[in-house]
Each structure stands twice: as C-alpha cells, then as structure tokens.
Amino acid sequence: MGTYLERQQIMSLMESGPVETGAMQARLMDAVRQPLKLDQIFDAARAGAGHPRERLITYQDDFHQYHAFEGTLTLIMSRELKKSVEVASAVALHLALKYPKKPVLLFNTFASAELLTSGFVNAMHLLRLKIPWTFQQYVKDAKPGDFDDSIELPSPDNLFVLDCPTSTLTPELLEAEIARVGAQIVLLNSLEFAAFSDYRKRAVAEGLLALRNRLNLSVFVFSHELRPISPHCGGRGALGLLSAFTDSVWPILNEWERKKWVKRFKNDDDYEYEIQKTK
C-alpha cells in the first residue's frame, strides 16, 4: 500500500473522468493487482526520483530534527494529552497559514472546549503571533510584549476543526468529512481516544491508511503510547499498523522521560562496552 507506482495508477484512473464510487473502487483494485514487468518498476522509480516530496514542516527538539513530507504519514508520540493538543493545534494552524490553498482538517477526539482553546492560544504563542490579553491565562510563560488587544485573531478559511466526542470516530466519518471539505492535510490529535476497543481503533487506522493512499493525503496522527516506534517497522495493534507505513516519527518527551531514555541509552552503551571487554 502507498507505493509510488500504485499512486501513479490511481491518479491516472482519477484523471480519466468521474465515475461512481463502487466502479472507481473496482477499477482501482484491478489496477493495483496487475502483474508488472521489471522495466515498469524501474520507470516508476525514475519518475518518482524526479519529483521529490515537499517538506511541510520540521520539528526540532534538543537532540534531533524531525520532518513531515507531503503525501506521507507522520506519527507524533506524546504521553501528555495537553501537549498533544497544543502541538496538533500548532501544526494545523501553521500549515493552514503556510498553505492557504490546501484545506487542513483537524479531528479533535479528546480535547474539551477549554483545552482546545488553550491549544490554539498556545499554538499562536509557539508561532510567535500576538495574543489578546483576554487569553493570558492560557500562556503562563508569555511576556507583556507577546500580548496585543488590537490584533485580529487568525482564522484561516482553509482550517477546519471537527469535534468528535471520545470513541465516536469511524472510517465512514473520516471519509465523509475529508470529502466534504476537500482536505489535503489531515490531523488526528489522539489515536487512543478516537476509539476505545482494539478492533475499532484498528479500523480507524486502516481507514486513514486507505484514504491517504487513495487521495495522497498528508496525515498526522498523535499517540500517547510511548513504546519504541520506528518508521516502516510494524508492530501490534493500530499503532503498529500505522508505524509500518509512516515516514516519520516525532517523539515529544517530558523532561523526566528524556532523562530516563538518556540514562537507558547510557546503560546500553556501558553494557555493550563490558561485552566487548570480555571478548
């Protein structure tokens, strides 16, 4: 799923004219199941190499830079729910302002009205936008120069936020809302609260992957499960399924978690050193 060659076949079918949904699905399945010759695979690879994906956004922590590219899936790992809401809001607002012709759709599956407001106010602060004094309670580390009551709050026409009460997101709702706004960039601010059961959570993950592949979406999924995850490495459950198809993983760690992982890496290095000495 998601190869360049498959996307080329899909795009050629979509450009051939409007068809009914069922007919389109049947034609897509027929297209991607056709056996290929080696020269076709090489030709597709050459065509893809000549069109590198655009870098949408870069996340910088104390140690590394993490990127997200157009038409790919990005997993963002943050144990803290409030931090996830803030970062998701910042990414959504930043991309909506950066790409005014690309509809951005944020699925909110956890945050209350208060937390969502806090998320977007902190997003403005992270993006160095002025904030009205009315919202000063949401940004504790802001300085007086960061506030300005005369500014107009940003409200990009291409940014949409869909409130999905906890555990109510379904593949059908995903597809309907993405189609309704014509979204090209999609964010899910909590995978764990999109659905509670493993079965339904995996169905949401499968739906996201299918839509990303079919529509060439740029997708950002936030998870609060901080187990070791790497791009293109499968694992158990919905998160493991998504990680098999993700191109980038952003670990957003709290200070205590950062110290824990640094200590763990140091212990691993010491262990490897002791093994080498005994050989």
Protein backbone atom coordinates (compact mmCIF):
# COMPACT_ATOMS: atom_id res chain seq x y z
CA MET A 1 0.00 0.00 0.00
CA GLY A 2 1.20 3.50 -0.73
CA THR A 3 3.92 2.79 -3.33
CA TYR A 4 4.68 5.42 -5.93
CA LEU A 5 3.62 3.05 -8.70
CA GLU A 6 0.23 2.42 -7.11
CA ARG A 7 -0.35 6.17 -6.73
CA GLN A 8 0.53 6.71 -10.39
CA GLN A 9 -2.02 4.09 -11.43
CA ILE A 10 -4.66 5.58 -9.15
CA MET A 11 -4.07 9.14 -10.35
CA SER A 12 -4.34 8.10 -14.00
CA LEU A 13 -7.69 6.46 -13.26
CA MET A 14 -8.99 9.51 -11.38
CA GLU A 15 -7.96 11.79 -14.24
CA SER A 16 -9.86 9.65 -16.76
CA GLY A 17 -13.16 11.19 -15.64
CA PRO A 18 -15.79 10.97 -12.89
CA VAL A 19 -17.16 7.53 -12.09
CA GLU A 20 -19.39 6.07 -9.41
CA THR A 21 -17.68 5.23 -6.13
CA GLY A 22 -18.21 1.47 -6.46
CA ALA A 23 -16.95 1.47 -10.03
CA MET A 24 -13.92 3.54 -9.03
CA GLN A 25 -13.03 1.13 -6.24
CA ALA A 26 -13.31 -1.84 -8.58
CA ARG A 27 -11.09 -0.17 -11.19
CA LEU A 28 -8.54 0.80 -8.55
CA MET A 29 -8.34 -2.76 -7.27
CA ASP A 30 -7.95 -4.09 -10.82
CA ALA A 31 -5.19 -1.53 -11.49
CA VAL A 32 -3.04 -2.30 -8.49
CA ARG A 33 -3.39 -6.06 -8.96
CA GLN A 34 -1.97 -6.12 -12.48
CA PRO A 35 1.35 -8.01 -12.70
CA LEU A 36 4.25 -5.77 -13.64
CA LYS A 37 7.43 -6.17 -15.61
CA LEU A 38 10.74 -5.07 -14.12
CA ASP A 39 11.15 -2.19 -16.58
CA GLN A 40 7.78 -0.78 -15.42
CA ILE A 41 9.00 -0.81 -11.82
CA PHE A 42 12.25 0.94 -12.79
CA ASP A 43 10.38 3.53 -14.90
CA ALA A 44 8.10 4.34 -11.97
CA ALA A 45 11.13 4.68 -9.67
CA ARG A 46 12.81 7.09 -12.12
CA ALA A 47 9.66 9.18 -12.39
CA GLY A 48 9.36 9.33 -8.59
CA ALA A 49 13.01 10.33 -8.15
CA GLY A 50 12.41 13.34 -10.38
CA HIS A 51 9.58 14.58 -8.14
CA PRO A 52 10.77 14.63 -4.51
CA ARG A 53 8.11 15.25 -1.91
CA GLU A 54 7.81 18.73 -0.46
CA ARG A 55 8.81 19.14 3.17
CA LEU A 56 5.79 20.55 5.00
CA ILE A 57 7.15 21.20 8.48
CA THR A 58 10.14 20.46 10.74
CA TYR A 59 10.04 19.69 14.46
CA GLN A 60 13.22 20.44 16.43
CA ASP A 61 13.93 19.06 19.89
CA ASP A 62 17.14 19.22 21.96
CA PHE A 63 18.79 16.41 20.01
CA HIS A 64 17.27 15.98 16.54
CA GLN A 65 15.24 17.47 13.73
CA TYR A 66 12.14 15.60 12.54
CA HIS A 67 10.41 16.34 9.24
CA ALA A 68 7.00 15.74 7.70
CA PHE A 69 6.58 15.49 3.94
CA GLU A 70 3.66 15.98 1.60
CA GLY A 71 1.57 12.88 0.96
CA THR A 72 3.07 10.90 3.85
CA LEU A 73 2.02 9.71 7.30
CA THR A 74 3.69 11.23 10.37
CA LEU A 75 3.33 9.72 13.85
CA ILE A 76 3.74 12.09 16.80
CA MET A 77 4.32 10.39 20.16
CA SER A 78 3.47 12.37 23.30
CA ARG A 79 2.37 10.86 26.59
CA GLU A 80 0.95 14.16 27.83
CA LEU A 81 -2.55 14.79 26.44
CA LYS A 82 -2.44 18.58 26.83
CA LYS A 83 0.88 18.72 24.98
CA SER A 84 -0.58 16.64 22.15
CA VAL A 85 -3.50 19.04 21.78
CA GLU A 86 -1.14 22.04 21.75
CA VAL A 87 1.24 20.57 19.19
CA ALA A 88 -1.61 19.33 16.97
CA SER A 89 -3.19 22.80 17.06
CA ALA A 90 0.17 24.45 16.29
CA VAL A 91 0.85 22.13 13.35
CA ALA A 92 -2.67 22.62 11.97
CA LEU A 93 -2.54 26.43 12.28
CA HIS A 94 0.99 26.65 10.89
CA LEU A 95 0.18 24.53 7.84
CA ALA A 96 -3.10 26.36 7.19
CA LEU A 97 -1.26 29.70 7.19
CA LYS A 98 1.66 28.34 5.16
CA TYR A 99 -0.55 26.65 2.51
CA PRO A 100 -3.70 28.79 2.16
CA LYS A 101 -4.90 26.77 -0.86
CA LYS A 102 -4.70 23.42 0.96
CA PRO A 103 -7.66 22.57 3.20
CA VAL A 104 -6.48 21.40 6.64
CA LEU A 105 -8.80 19.23 8.75
CA LEU A 106 -8.16 18.54 12.45
CA PHE A 107 -10.14 15.73 14.08
CA ASN A 108 -10.45 16.52 17.80
CA THR A 109 -11.16 13.25 19.62
CA PHE A 110 -10.28 14.26 23.16
CA ALA A 111 -10.00 17.97 23.99
CA SER A 112 -12.79 19.88 25.72
CA ALA A 113 -13.69 23.38 24.51
CA GLU A 114 -11.41 24.83 27.19
CA LEU A 115 -8.46 22.60 26.30
CA LEU A 116 -8.94 23.18 22.57
CA THR A 117 -8.95 26.96 23.14
CA SER A 118 -5.79 26.61 25.23
CA GLY A 119 -4.25 24.53 22.45
CA PHE A 120 -4.80 27.15 19.79
CA VAL A 121 -3.74 30.04 22.02
CA ASN A 122 -0.51 28.22 22.81
CA ALA A 123 -0.20 27.46 19.09
CA MET A 124 -0.27 31.21 18.42
CA HIS A 125 2.40 31.69 21.09
CA LEU A 126 4.59 28.96 19.58
CA LEU A 127 4.20 30.57 16.15
CA ARG A 128 5.17 33.97 17.65
CA LEU A 129 1.79 35.54 16.91
CA LYS A 130 0.42 38.27 19.16
CA ILE A 131 -2.26 37.20 21.67
CA PRO A 132 -5.11 39.29 23.13
CA TRP A 133 -4.87 39.90 26.88
CA THR A 134 -8.18 38.04 27.25
CA PHE A 135 -6.32 34.76 26.78
CA GLN A 136 -3.36 35.44 29.06
CA GLN A 137 -4.40 32.63 31.47
CA TYR A 138 -3.58 30.05 28.78
CA VAL A 139 0.08 31.05 28.30
CA LYS A 140 1.90 31.17 31.62
CA ASP A 141 5.34 31.85 30.14
CA ALA A 142 4.26 34.74 27.89
CA LYS A 143 5.79 38.18 28.34
CA PRO A 144 3.88 41.50 28.22
CA GLY A 145 5.24 42.15 24.73
CA ASP A 146 3.51 38.98 23.48
CA PHE A 147 0.04 40.49 24.01
CA ASP A 148 -1.87 42.95 21.88
CA ASP A 149 -5.63 43.59 22.12
CA SER A 150 -5.71 45.37 18.76
CA ILE A 151 -4.78 42.31 16.69
CA GLU A 152 -7.29 40.18 14.82
CA LEU A 153 -7.26 36.51 15.79
CA PRO A 154 -6.15 34.20 12.97
CA SER A 155 -8.98 32.25 11.36
CA PRO A 156 -7.76 30.78 8.07
CA ASP A 157 -10.56 29.91 5.66
CA ASN A 158 -8.82 26.61 4.92
CA LEU A 159 -8.62 25.37 8.53
CA PHE A 160 -11.43 23.14 9.80
CA VAL A 161 -11.78 21.53 13.24
CA LEU A 162 -14.22 18.64 13.64
CA ASP A 163 -15.17 17.78 17.20
CA CYS A 164 -15.58 14.01 17.55
CA PRO A 165 -16.67 13.04 21.07
CA THR A 166 -14.42 10.39 22.59
CA SER A 167 -14.64 6.97 20.90
CA THR A 168 -17.04 8.08 18.14
CA LEU A 169 -14.67 8.36 15.16
CA THR A 170 -15.31 5.80 12.42
CA PRO A 171 -13.77 5.15 8.98
CA GLU A 172 -17.04 6.27 7.40
CA LEU A 173 -16.98 9.59 9.27
CA LEU A 174 -13.32 10.09 8.33
CA GLU A 175 -14.07 9.62 4.65
CA ALA A 176 -17.23 11.75 4.66
CA GLU A 177 -15.63 14.75 6.40
CA ILE A 178 -12.44 14.63 4.35
CA ALA A 179 -14.55 14.60 1.18
CA ARG A 180 -16.84 17.36 2.46
CA VAL A 181 -14.05 19.91 2.96
CA GLY A 182 -11.72 18.50 0.29
CA ALA A 183 -8.99 18.11 2.91
CA GLN A 184 -5.41 17.63 1.75
CA ILE A 185 -3.84 17.73 5.23
CA VAL A 186 -5.46 15.68 8.00
CA LEU A 187 -4.61 15.60 11.71
CA LEU A 188 -5.90 13.28 14.44
CA ASN A 189 -4.98 14.68 17.86
CA SER A 190 -5.48 11.40 19.75
CA LEU A 191 -5.50 7.89 18.27
CA GLU A 192 -6.22 6.29 21.66
CA PHE A 193 -9.36 8.38 22.24
CA ALA A 194 -10.66 8.06 18.67
CA ALA A 195 -11.91 4.58 19.59
CA PHE A 196 -11.57 2.51 22.74
CA SER A 197 -11.67 -1.09 21.51
CA ASP A 198 -8.67 -2.50 19.65
CA TYR A 199 -10.91 -3.60 16.79
CA ARG A 200 -12.44 -0.14 16.22
CA LYS A 201 -9.09 1.59 16.69
CA ARG A 202 -7.54 -0.63 14.04
CA ALA A 203 -10.49 0.10 11.73
CA VAL A 204 -9.80 3.85 12.09
CA ALA A 205 -6.11 3.23 11.32
CA GLU A 206 -6.98 1.14 8.25
CA GLY A 207 -9.39 3.84 7.07
CA LEU A 208 -6.75 6.55 7.44
CA LEU A 209 -4.20 4.50 5.50
CA ALA A 210 -6.64 3.76 2.70
CA LEU A 211 -7.65 7.42 2.37
CA ARG A 212 -4.04 8.61 2.48
CA ASN A 213 -3.13 6.20 -0.27
CA ARG A 214 -6.15 6.94 -2.44
CA LEU A 215 -6.17 10.73 -2.06
CA ASN A 216 -2.44 11.36 -1.50
CA LEU A 217 -3.20 12.99 1.86
CA SER A 218 -0.65 14.35 4.28
CA VAL A 219 -1.62 12.75 7.61
CA PHE A 220 -0.51 13.48 11.19
CA VAL A 221 -1.55 11.05 13.93
CA PHE A 222 -0.89 11.70 17.63
CA SER A 223 -0.46 8.78 20.02
CA HIS A 224 0.10 8.69 23.79
CA GLU A 225 1.69 5.24 23.82
CA LEU A 226 5.44 5.75 24.11
CA ARG A 227 6.75 2.35 23.12
CA PRO A 228 9.69 2.13 20.71
CA ILE A 229 8.35 3.02 17.26
CA SER A 230 10.37 3.50 14.06
CA PRO A 231 9.33 4.36 10.50
CA HIS A 232 8.42 1.36 8.35
CA CYS A 233 8.58 -1.07 11.28
CA GLY A 234 5.38 -2.95 12.02
CA GLY A 235 4.08 -3.95 15.44
CA ARG A 236 0.98 -4.92 17.33
CA GLY A 237 -2.33 -3.09 17.23
CA ALA A 238 -3.41 0.05 15.41
CA LEU A 239 -0.18 1.89 16.26
CA GLY A 240 1.94 -0.95 14.91
CA LEU A 241 -0.08 -0.93 11.69
CA LEU A 242 0.41 2.82 11.24
CA SER A 243 4.13 2.61 12.03
CA ALA A 244 4.63 0.18 9.13
CA PHE A 245 3.52 2.91 6.72
CA THR A 246 4.84 6.02 8.47
CA ASP A 247 7.73 8.02 7.04
CA SER A 248 8.48 10.00 10.20
CA VAL A 249 8.11 9.53 13.96
CA TRP A 250 8.34 12.54 16.29
CA PRO A 251 8.98 11.62 19.96
CA ILE A 252 7.86 14.53 22.15
CA LEU A 253 9.19 13.69 25.61
CA ASN A 254 8.67 15.25 29.01
CA GLU A 255 11.80 16.16 30.94
CA TRP A 256 11.65 13.07 33.18
CA GLU A 257 11.12 10.85 30.15
CA ARG A 258 14.06 12.44 28.36
CA LYS A 259 16.31 11.76 31.37
CA LYS A 260 15.01 8.19 31.58
CA TRP A 261 15.79 7.46 27.92
CA VAL A 262 19.21 9.15 28.07
CA LYS A 263 20.04 7.00 31.12
CA ARG A 264 18.77 3.89 29.34
CA PHE A 265 20.91 4.62 26.28
CA LYS A 266 23.94 5.18 28.54
CA ASN A 267 23.34 1.87 30.33
CA ASP A 268 23.04 0.11 26.98
CA ASP A 269 26.35 1.64 25.86
CA ASP A 270 28.03 0.57 29.12
CA TYR A 271 26.66 -2.96 28.71
CA GLU A 272 27.95 -3.18 25.14
CA TYR A 273 31.36 -1.93 26.33
CA GLU A 274 31.54 -4.61 29.03
CA ILE A 275 30.67 -7.29 26.46
CA GLN A 276 33.41 -6.07 24.15
CA LYS A 277 35.97 -6.20 27.02
CA THR A 278 35.14 -9.82 27.79
CA LYS A 279 35.59 -10.99 24.20
